[in-house]
């Protein structure tokens, strides 16, 4: 069975913010890889990994806020209350 893929139009400002955040995170991950290759001290690497986790959490907060204010709100206005169950399931996944 073919899975339906949903799409969302993002305003230019939101798109740039999200892609810029992801580019910074990508750079941080490459930096950690280089630290491992250079045999850097474990604690230094762990500190950088912690910074990456924090950046990903921040990305999720921004994306989730945008999702609620746009997709969820629009679906509820259009009578699709199933989106609330989807949101609850998403929050449960994020909070594990």
PDB file of N, CA and C in Angstrom:
ATOM      1  N   UNK A   1       0.844  -1.173   0.000  1.00  0.00           N
ATOM      2  CA  UNK A   1       0.000   0.000   0.000  1.00  0.00           C
ATOM      3  C   UNK A   1       0.896   1.246   0.000  1.00  0.00           C
ATOM      4  N   UNK A   2       0.555   2.218  -0.843  1.00  0.00           N
ATOM      5  CA  UNK A   2       1.334   3.437  -0.959  1.00  0.00           C
ATOM      6  C   UNK A   2       0.939   4.422   0.130  1.00  0.00           C
ATOM      7  N   UNK A   3       1.937   4.984   0.804  1.00  0.00           N
ATOM      8  CA  UNK A   3       1.690   5.927   1.885  1.00  0.00           C
ATOM      9  C   UNK A   3       1.512   7.331   1.315  1.00  0.00           C
ATOM     10  N   UNK A   4       0.500   8.052   1.819  1.00  0.00           N
ATOM     11  CA  UNK A   4       0.265   9.415   1.379  1.00  0.00           C
ATOM     12  C   UNK A   4       1.259  10.348   2.081  1.00  0.00           C
ATOM     13  N   UNK A   5       1.916  11.179   1.308  1.00  0.00           N
ATOM     14  CA  UNK A   5       2.870  12.136   1.861  1.00  0.00           C
ATOM     15  C   UNK A   5       2.209  13.503   1.870  1.00  0.00           C
ATOM     16  N   UNK A   6       2.160  14.106   3.040  1.00  0.00           N
ATOM     17  CA  UNK A   6       1.575  15.435   3.172  1.00  0.00           C
ATOM     18  C   UNK A   6       2.634  16.491   2.866  1.00  0.00           C
ATOM     19  N   UNK A   7       2.177  17.633   2.382  1.00  0.00           N
ATOM     20  CA  UNK A   7       3.075  18.753   2.101  1.00  0.00           C
ATOM     21  C   UNK A   7       2.535  19.996   2.780  1.00  0.00           C
ATOM     22  N   UNK A   8       3.419  20.952   3.022  1.00  0.00           N
ATOM     23  CA  UNK A   8       3.010  22.215   3.639  1.00  0.00           C
ATOM     24  C   UNK A   8       3.754  23.355   2.954  1.00  0.00           C
ATOM     25  N   UNK A   9       3.010  24.354   2.562  1.00  0.00           N
ATOM     26  CA  UNK A   9       3.637  25.566   2.027  1.00  0.00           C
ATOM     27  C   UNK A   9       4.161  26.381   3.200  1.00  0.00           C
ATOM     28  N   UNK A  10       5.421  26.798   3.112  1.00  0.00           N
ATOM     29  CA  UNK A  10       6.013  27.636   4.156  1.00  0.00           C
ATOM     30  C   UNK A  10       6.338  29.002   3.568  1.00  0.00           C
ATOM     31  N   UNK A  11       6.056  30.017   4.360  1.00  0.00           N
ATOM     32  CA  UNK A  11       6.446  31.363   3.951  1.00  0.00           C
ATOM     33  C   UNK A  11       7.974  31.423   3.889  1.00  0.00           C
ATOM     34  N   UNK A  12       8.507  32.321   3.097  1.00  0.00           N
ATOM     35  CA  UNK A  12       9.953  32.427   2.887  1.00  0.00           C
ATOM     36  C   UNK A  12      10.719  32.616   4.198  1.00  0.00           C
ATOM     37  N   UNK A  13      10.194  33.455   5.096  1.00  0.00           N
ATOM     38  CA  UNK A  13      10.857  33.715   6.379  1.00  0.00           C
ATOM     39  C   UNK A  13      10.970  32.431   7.204  1.00  0.00           C
ATOM     40  N   UNK A  14       9.876  31.671   7.286  1.00  0.00           N
ATOM     41  CA  UNK A  14       9.889  30.413   8.045  1.00  0.00           C
ATOM     42  C   UNK A  14      10.852  29.424   7.407  1.00  0.00           C
ATOM     43  N   UNK A  15      10.792  29.307   6.084  1.00  0.00           N
ATOM     44  CA  UNK A  15      11.660  28.381   5.359  1.00  0.00           C
ATOM     45  C   UNK A  15      13.132  28.706   5.625  1.00  0.00           C
ATOM     46  N   UNK A  16      13.494  29.983   5.513  1.00  0.00           N
ATOM     47  CA  UNK A  16      14.890  30.383   5.733  1.00  0.00           C
ATOM     48  C   UNK A  16      15.329  30.122   7.163  1.00  0.00           C
ATOM     49  N   UNK A  17      14.448  30.418   8.131  1.00  0.00           N
ATOM     50  CA  UNK A  17      14.782  30.185   9.535  1.00  0.00           C
ATOM     51  C   UNK A  17      15.053  28.704   9.783  1.00  0.00           C
ATOM     52  N   UNK A  18      14.164  27.847   9.296  1.00  0.00           N
ATOM     53  CA  UNK A  18      14.327  26.407   9.519  1.00  0.00           C
ATOM     54  C   UNK A  18      15.574  25.873   8.822  1.00  0.00           C
ATOM     55  N   UNK A  19      15.792  26.259   7.570  1.00  0.00           N
ATOM     56  CA  UNK A  19      16.961  25.747   6.848  1.00  0.00           C
ATOM     57  C   UNK A  19      18.258  26.288   7.431  1.00  0.00           C
ATOM     58  N   UNK A  20      18.251  27.541   7.903  1.00  0.00           N
ATOM     59  CA  UNK A  20      19.455  28.080   8.553  1.00  0.00           C
ATOM     60  C   UNK A  20      19.779  27.318   9.830  1.00  0.00           C
ATOM     61  N   UNK A  21      18.751  27.029  10.620  1.00  0.00           N
ATOM     62  CA  UNK A  21      18.967  26.254  11.845  1.00  0.00           C
ATOM     63  C   UNK A  21      19.557  24.880  11.515  1.00  0.00           C
ATOM     64  N   UNK A  22      18.994  24.230  10.502  1.00  0.00           N
ATOM     65  CA  UNK A  22      19.476  22.901  10.114  1.00  0.00           C
ATOM     66  C   UNK A  22      20.906  22.955   9.573  1.00  0.00           C
ATOM     67  N   UNK A  23      21.237  23.998   8.853  1.00  0.00           N
ATOM     68  CA  UNK A  23      22.610  24.141   8.339  1.00  0.00           C
ATOM     69  C   UNK A  23      23.599  24.290   9.485  1.00  0.00           C
ATOM     70  N   UNK A  24      23.221  25.062  10.515  1.00  0.00           N
ATOM     71  CA  UNK A  24      24.104  25.208  11.684  1.00  0.00           C
ATOM     72  C   UNK A  24      24.272  23.861  12.397  1.00  0.00           C
ATOM     73  N   UNK A  25      23.181  23.130  12.540  1.00  0.00           N
ATOM     74  CA  UNK A  25      23.250  21.814  13.198  1.00  0.00           C
ATOM     75  C   UNK A  25      24.127  20.868  12.378  1.00  0.00           C
ATOM     76  N   UNK A  26      23.961  20.900  11.069  1.00  0.00           N
ATOM     77  CA  UNK A  26      24.775  20.064  10.182  1.00  0.00           C
ATOM     78  C   UNK A  26      26.260  20.386  10.362  1.00  0.00           C
ATOM     79  N   UNK A  27      26.573  21.660  10.468  1.00  0.00           N
ATOM     80  CA  UNK A  27      27.960  22.068  10.702  1.00  0.00           C
ATOM     81  C   UNK A  27      28.478  21.573  12.041  1.00  0.00           C
ATOM     82  N   UNK A  28      27.624  21.634  13.053  1.00  0.00           N
ATOM     83  CA  UNK A  28      28.023  21.137  14.382  1.00  0.00           C
ATOM     84  C   UNK A  28      28.315  19.634  14.327  1.00  0.00           C
ATOM     85  N   UNK A  29      27.488  18.879  13.605  1.00  0.00           N
ATOM     86  CA  UNK A  29      27.688  17.427  13.506  1.00  0.00           C
ATOM     87  C   UNK A  29      29.003  17.133  12.777  1.00  0.00           C
ATOM     88  N   UNK A  30      29.273  17.877  11.703  1.00  0.00           N
ATOM     89  CA  UNK A  30      30.556  17.693  11.001  1.00  0.00           C
ATOM     90  C   UNK A  30      31.724  18.023  11.934  1.00  0.00           C
ATOM     91  N   UNK A  31      31.540  19.041  12.778  1.00  0.00           N
ATOM     92  CA  UNK A  31      32.582  19.399  13.739  1.00  0.00           C
ATOM     93  C   UNK A  31      32.852  18.286  14.733  1.00  0.00           C
ATOM     94  N   UNK A  32      31.807  17.626  15.194  1.00  0.00           N
ATOM     95  CA  UNK A  32      31.976  16.509  16.134  1.00  0.00           C
ATOM     96  C   UNK A  32      32.690  15.352  15.442  1.00  0.00           C
ATOM     97  N   UNK A  33      32.322  15.093  14.194  1.00  0.00           N
ATOM     98  CA  UNK A  33      32.998  14.018  13.453  1.00  0.00           C
ATOM     99  C   UNK A  33      34.493  14.309  13.348  1.00  0.00           C
ATOM    100  N   UNK A  34      34.820  15.557  13.072  1.00  0.00           N
ATOM    101  CA  UNK A  34      36.231  15.949  12.971  1.00  0.00           C
ATOM    102  C   UNK A  34      36.930  15.782  14.315  1.00  0.00           C
ATOM    103  N   UNK A  35      36.231  16.121  15.401  1.00  0.00           N
ATOM    104  CA  UNK A  35      36.808  15.960  16.733  1.00  0.00           C
ATOM    105  C   UNK A  35      37.127  14.493  17.007  1.00  0.00           C
ATOM    106  N   UNK A  36      36.237  13.584  16.609  1.00  0.00           N
ATOM    107  CA  UNK A  36      36.472  12.148  16.801  1.00  0.00           C
ATOM    108  C   UNK A  36      37.679  11.715  15.964  1.00  0.00           C
ATOM    109  N   UNK A  37      37.711  12.183  14.705  1.00  0.00           N
ATOM    110  CA  UNK A  37      38.832  11.828  13.831  1.00  0.00           C
ATOM    111  C   UNK A  37      40.161  12.346  14.380  1.00  0.00           C
ATOM    112  N   UNK A  38      40.120  13.487  15.050  1.00  0.00           N
ATOM    113  CA  UNK A  38      41.329  14.079  15.627  1.00  0.00           C
ATOM    114  C   UNK A  38      41.650  13.530  17.022  1.00  0.00           C
ATOM    115  N   UNK A  39      40.849  12.542  17.448  1.00  0.00           N
ATOM    116  CA  UNK A  39      41.062  11.886  18.742  1.00  0.00           C
ATOM    117  C   UNK A  39      41.001  12.871  19.903  1.00  0.00           C
ATOM    118  N   UNK A  40      40.041  13.808  19.818  1.00  0.00           N
ATOM    119  CA  UNK A  40      39.877  14.809  20.867  1.00  0.00           C
ATOM    120  C   UNK A  40      39.343  14.160  22.143  1.00  0.00           C
ATOM    121  N   UNK A  41      39.475  14.844  23.234  1.00  0.00           N
ATOM    122  CA  UNK A  41      39.084  14.371  24.563  1.00  0.00           C
ATOM    123  C   UNK A  41      37.567  14.158  24.624  1.00  0.00           C
ATOM    124  N   UNK A  42      37.167  13.062  25.233  1.00  0.00           N
ATOM    125  CA  UNK A  42      35.751  12.652  25.289  1.00  0.00           C
ATOM    126  C   UNK A  42      34.832  13.748  25.822  1.00  0.00           C
ATOM    127  N   UNK A  43      35.232  14.392  26.894  1.00  0.00           N
ATOM    128  CA  UNK A  43      34.394  15.404  27.530  1.00  0.00           C
ATOM    129  C   UNK A  43      34.135  16.573  26.572  1.00  0.00           C
ATOM    130  N   UNK A  44      35.138  16.933  25.791  1.00  0.00           N
ATOM    131  CA  UNK A  44      34.966  18.008  24.817  1.00  0.00           C
ATOM    132  C   UNK A  44      33.947  17.615  23.745  1.00  0.00           C
ATOM    133  N   UNK A  45      34.020  16.375  23.301  1.00  0.00           N
ATOM    134  CA  UNK A  45      33.073  15.874  22.293  1.00  0.00           C
ATOM    135  C   UNK A  45      31.666  15.831  22.884  1.00  0.00           C
ATOM    136  N   UNK A  46      31.557  15.332  24.110  1.00  0.00           N
ATOM    137  CA  UNK A  46      30.246  15.257  24.756  1.00  0.00           C
ATOM    138  C   UNK A  46      29.612  16.637  24.901  1.00  0.00           C
ATOM    139  N   UNK A  47      30.409  17.633  25.183  1.00  0.00           N
ATOM    140  CA  UNK A  47      29.889  18.998  25.308  1.00  0.00           C
ATOM    141  C   UNK A  47      29.315  19.473  23.972  1.00  0.00           C
ATOM    142  N   UNK A  48      29.991  19.141  22.888  1.00  0.00           N
ATOM    143  CA  UNK A  48      29.499  19.530  21.570  1.00  0.00           C
ATOM    144  C   UNK A  48      28.234  18.768  21.192  1.00  0.00           C
ATOM    145  N   UNK A  49      28.167  17.495  21.544  1.00  0.00           N
ATOM    146  CA  UNK A  49      26.960  16.699  21.282  1.00  0.00           C
ATOM    147  C   UNK A  49      25.779  17.270  22.058  1.00  0.00           C
ATOM    148  N   UNK A  50      26.038  17.701  23.284  1.00  0.00           N
ATOM    149  CA  UNK A  50      24.986  18.324  24.084  1.00  0.00           C
ATOM    150  C   UNK A  50      24.475  19.601  23.409  1.00  0.00           C
ATOM    151  N   UNK A  51      25.376  20.375  22.835  1.00  0.00           N
ATOM    152  CA  UNK A  51      24.986  21.595  22.119  1.00  0.00           C
ATOM    153  C   UNK A  51      24.135  21.253  20.895  1.00  0.00           C
ATOM    154  N   UNK A  52      24.459  20.161  20.220  1.00  0.00           N
ATOM    155  CA  UNK A  52      23.670  19.714  19.060  1.00  0.00           C
ATOM    156  C   UNK A  52      22.270  19.315  19.508  1.00  0.00           C
ATOM    157  N   UNK A  53      22.181  18.573  20.606  1.00  0.00           N
ATOM    158  CA  UNK A  53      20.867  18.170  21.119  1.00  0.00           C
ATOM    159  C   UNK A  53      20.025  19.394  21.468  1.00  0.00           C
ATOM    160  N   UNK A  54      20.648  20.384  22.070  1.00  0.00           N
ATOM    161  CA  UNK A  54      19.946  21.616  22.417  1.00  0.00           C
ATOM    162  C   UNK A  54      19.458  22.333  21.158  1.00  0.00           C
ATOM    163  N   UNK A  55      20.286  22.382  20.128  1.00  0.00           N
ATOM    164  CA  UNK A  55      19.908  23.018  18.867  1.00  0.00           C
ATOM    165  C   UNK A  55      18.762  22.266  18.200  1.00  0.00           C
ATOM    166  N   UNK A  56      18.783  20.940  18.259  1.00  0.00           N
ATOM    167  CA  UNK A  56      17.682  20.154  17.694  1.00  0.00           C
ATOM    168  C   UNK A  56      16.389  20.383  18.471  1.00  0.00           C
ATOM    169  N   UNK A  57      16.491  20.461  19.792  1.00  0.00           N
ATOM    170  CA  UNK A  57      15.305  20.746  20.604  1.00  0.00           C
ATOM    171  C   UNK A  57      14.726  22.109  20.250  1.00  0.00           C
ATOM    172  N   UNK A  58      15.586  23.079  20.061  1.00  0.00           N
ATOM    173  CA  UNK A  58      15.143  24.413  19.682  1.00  0.00           C
ATOM    174  C   UNK A  58      14.466  24.389  18.309  1.00  0.00           C
ATOM    175  N   UNK A  59      15.038  23.650  17.371  1.00  0.00           N
ATOM    176  CA  UNK A  59      14.434  23.483  16.040  1.00  0.00           C
ATOM    177  C   UNK A  59      13.038  22.886  16.171  1.00  0.00           C
ATOM    178  N   UNK A  60      12.923  21.830  16.984  1.00  0.00           N
ATOM    179  CA  UNK A  60      11.619  21.181  17.185  1.00  0.00           C
ATOM    180  C   UNK A  60      10.598  22.140  17.778  1.00  0.00           C
ATOM    181  N   UNK A  61      11.002  22.959  18.716  1.00  0.00           N
ATOM    182  CA  UNK A  61      10.082  23.920  19.339  1.00  0.00           C
ATOM    183  C   UNK A  61       9.555  24.904  18.309  1.00  0.00           C
ATOM    184  N   UNK A  62      10.437  25.420  17.472  1.00  0.00           N
ATOM    185  CA  UNK A  62      10.019  26.367  16.435  1.00  0.00           C
ATOM    186  C   UNK A  62       9.084  25.687  15.439  1.00  0.00           C
ATOM    187  N   UNK A  63       9.472  24.505  14.980  1.00  0.00           N
ATOM    188  CA  UNK A  63       8.654  23.786  13.994  1.00  0.00           C
ATOM    189  C   UNK A  63       7.298  23.407  14.573  1.00  0.00           C
ATOM    190  N   UNK A  64       7.277  22.939  15.812  1.00  0.00           N
ATOM    191  CA  UNK A  64       6.020  22.558  16.454  1.00  0.00           C
ATOM    192  C   UNK A  64       5.097  23.765  16.641  1.00  0.00           C
ATOM    193  N   UNK A  65       5.666  24.874  17.057  1.00  0.00           N
ATOM    194  CA  UNK A  65       4.874  26.094  17.210  1.00  0.00           C
ATOM    195  C   UNK A  65       4.257  26.508  15.882  1.00  0.00           C
ATOM    196  N   UNK A  66       5.070  26.512  14.829  1.00  0.00           N
ATOM    197  CA  UNK A  66       4.562  26.854  13.503  1.00  0.00           C
ATOM    198  C   UNK A  66       3.478  25.880  13.057  1.00  0.00           C
ATOM    199  N   UNK A  67       3.675  24.603  13.351  1.00  0.00           N
ATOM    200  CA  UNK A  67       2.706  23.573  12.969  1.00  0.00           C
ATOM    201  C   UNK A  67       1.362  23.811  13.651  1.00  0.00           C
ATOM    202  N   UNK A  68       1.396  24.083  14.937  1.00  0.00           N
ATOM    203  CA  UNK A  68       0.153  24.303  15.682  1.00  0.00           C
ATOM    204  C   UNK A  68      -0.563  25.549  15.178  1.00  0.00           C
ATOM    205  N   UNK A  69       0.197  26.620  14.956  1.00  0.00           N
ATOM    206  CA  UNK A  69      -0.411  27.884  14.540  1.00  0.00           C
ATOM    207  C   UNK A  69      -0.902  27.877  13.096  1.00  0.00           C
ATOM    208  N   UNK A  70      -0.433  26.926  12.298  1.00  0.00           N
ATOM    209  CA  UNK A  70      -0.866  26.894  10.901  1.00  0.00           C
ATOM    210  C   UNK A  70      -1.651  25.622  10.592  1.00  0.00           C
ATOM    211  N   UNK A  71      -0.988  24.505  10.497  1.00  0.00           N
ATOM    212  CA  UNK A  71      -1.622  23.245  10.068  1.00  0.00           C
ATOM    213  C   UNK A  71      -2.756  22.821  11.000  1.00  0.00           C
ATOM    214  N   UNK A  72      -2.459  22.755  12.295  1.00  0.00           N
ATOM    215  CA  UNK A  72      -3.459  22.278  13.257  1.00  0.00           C
ATOM    216  C   UNK A  72      -4.648  23.224  13.301  1.00  0.00           C
ATOM    217  N   UNK A  73      -4.369  24.509  13.408  1.00  0.00           N
ATOM    218  CA  UNK A  73      -5.441  25.503  13.466  1.00  0.00           C
ATOM    219  C   UNK A  73      -6.319  25.443  12.214  1.00  0.00           C
ATOM    220  N   UNK A  74      -5.694  25.351  11.051  1.00  0.00           N
ATOM    221  CA  UNK A  74      -6.442  25.300   9.785  1.00  0.00           C
ATOM    222  C   UNK A  74      -7.311  24.040   9.707  1.00  0.00           C
ATOM    223  N   UNK A  75      -6.744  22.902  10.100  1.00  0.00           N
ATOM    224  CA  UNK A  75      -7.516  21.647  10.070  1.00  0.00           C
ATOM    225  C   UNK A  75      -8.716  21.714  11.008  1.00  0.00           C
ATOM    226  N   UNK A  76      -8.532  22.263  12.195  1.00  0.00           N
ATOM    227  CA  UNK A  76      -9.644  22.376  13.143  1.00  0.00           C
ATOM    228  C   UNK A  76     -10.722  23.300  12.579  1.00  0.00           C
ATOM    229  N   UNK A  77     -10.309  24.419  11.997  1.00  0.00           N
ATOM    230  CA  UNK A  77     -11.278  25.334  11.372  1.00  0.00           C
ATOM    231  C   UNK A  77     -12.067  24.645  10.265  1.00  0.00           C
ATOM    232  N   UNK A  78     -11.421  23.702   9.569  1.00  0.00           N
ATOM    233  CA  UNK A  78     -12.077  22.980   8.479  1.00  0.00           C
ATOM    234  C   UNK A  78     -12.824  21.737   8.965  1.00  0.00           C
ATOM    235  N   UNK A  79     -12.920  21.570  10.277  1.00  0.00           N
ATOM    236  CA  UNK A  79     -13.697  20.462  10.837  1.00  0.00           C
ATOM    237  C   UNK A  79     -12.945  19.156  10.986  1.00  0.00           C
ATOM    238  N   UNK A  80     -11.651  19.150  10.727  1.00  0.00           N
ATOM    239  CA  UNK A  80     -10.857  17.924  10.851  1.00  0.00           C
ATOM    240  C   UNK A  80     -10.246  17.867  12.249  1.00  0.00           C
ATOM    241  N   UNK A  81     -10.981  17.280  13.172  1.00  0.00           N
ATOM    242  CA  UNK A  81     -10.503  17.196  14.549  1.00  0.00           C
ATOM    243  C   UNK A  81      -9.538  16.033  14.765  1.00  0.00           C
ATOM    244  N   UNK A  82      -9.359  15.174  13.757  1.00  0.00           N
ATOM    245  CA  UNK A  82      -8.384  14.089  13.855  1.00  0.00           C
ATOM    246  C   UNK A  82      -6.964  14.629  14.034  1.00  0.00           C
ATOM    247  N   UNK A  83      -6.766  15.870  13.609  1.00  0.00           N
ATOM    248  CA  UNK A  83      -5.450  16.486  13.723  1.00  0.00           C
ATOM    249  C   UNK A  83      -5.028  16.609  15.191  1.00  0.00           C
ATOM    250  N   UNK A  84      -5.988  16.673  16.102  1.00  0.00           N
ATOM    251  CA  UNK A  84      -5.655  16.757  17.534  1.00  0.00           C
ATOM    252  C   UNK A  84      -5.025  15.446  17.992  1.00  0.00           C
ATOM    253  N   UNK A  85      -5.575  14.321  17.530  1.00  0.00           N
ATOM    254  CA  UNK A  85      -4.980  13.021  17.865  1.00  0.00           C
ATOM    255  C   UNK A  85      -3.567  12.908  17.294  1.00  0.00           C
ATOM    256  N   UNK A  86      -3.402  13.390  16.062  1.00  0.00           N
ATOM    257  CA  UNK A  86      -2.085  13.377  15.435  1.00  0.00           C
ATOM    258  C   UNK A  86      -1.097  14.218  16.239  1.00  0.00           C
ATOM    259  N   UNK A  87      -1.545  15.383  16.697  1.00  0.00           N
ATOM    260  CA  UNK A  87      -0.700  16.265  17.499  1.00  0.00           C
ATOM    261  C   UNK A  87      -0.323  15.597  18.820  1.00  0.00           C
ATOM    262  N   UNK A  88      -1.281  14.983  19.475  1.00  0.00           N
ATOM    263  CA  UNK A  88      -1.007  14.288  20.734  1.00  0.00           C
ATOM    264  C   UNK A  88       0.011  13.162  20.531  1.00  0.00           C
ATOM    265  N   UNK A  89      -0.138  12.394  19.472  1.00  0.00           N
ATOM    266  CA  UNK A  89       0.813  11.310  19.174  1.00  0.00           C
ATOM    267  C   UNK A  89       2.207  11.876  18.905  1.00  0.00           C
ATOM    268  N   UNK A  90       2.251  12.998  18.201  1.00  0.00           N
ATOM    269  CA  UNK A  90       3.535  13.636  17.898  1.00  0.00           C
ATOM    270  C   UNK A  90       4.203  14.111  19.185  1.00  0.00           C
ATOM    271  N   UNK A  91       3.436  14.737  20.065  1.00  0.00           N
ATOM    272  CA  UNK A  91       3.994  15.206  21.344  1.00  0.00           C
ATOM    273  C   UNK A  91       4.515  14.038  22.180  1.00  0.00           C
ATOM    274  N   UNK A  92       3.791  12.918  22.168  1.00  0.00           N
ATOM    275  CA  UNK A  92       4.252  11.745  22.920  1.00  0.00           C
ATOM    276  C   UNK A  92       5.592  11.242  22.376  1.00  0.00           C
ATOM    277  N   UNK A  93       5.748  11.258  21.054  1.00  0.00           N
ATOM    278  CA  UNK A  93       7.022  10.830  20.458  1.00  0.00           C
ATOM    279  C   UNK A  93       8.151  11.773  20.837  1.00  0.00           C
ATOM    280  N   UNK A  94       7.855  13.071  20.847  1.00  0.00           N
ATOM    281  CA  UNK A  94       8.892  14.057  21.161  1.00  0.00           C
ATOM    282  C   UNK A  94       9.309  14.015  22.621  1.00  0.00           C
ATOM    283  N   UNK A  95       8.423  13.554  23.488  1.00  0.00           N
ATOM    284  CA  UNK A  95       8.680  13.603  24.929  1.00  0.00           C
ATOM    285  C   UNK A  95       9.224  12.297  25.491  1.00  0.00           C
ATOM    286  N   UNK A  96       9.590  11.342  24.656  1.00  0.00           N
ATOM    287  CA  UNK A  96      10.109  10.110  25.231  1.00  0.00           C
ATOM    288  C   UNK A  96      11.516  10.245  25.679  1.00  0.00           C
TER     289      UNK A  96
END
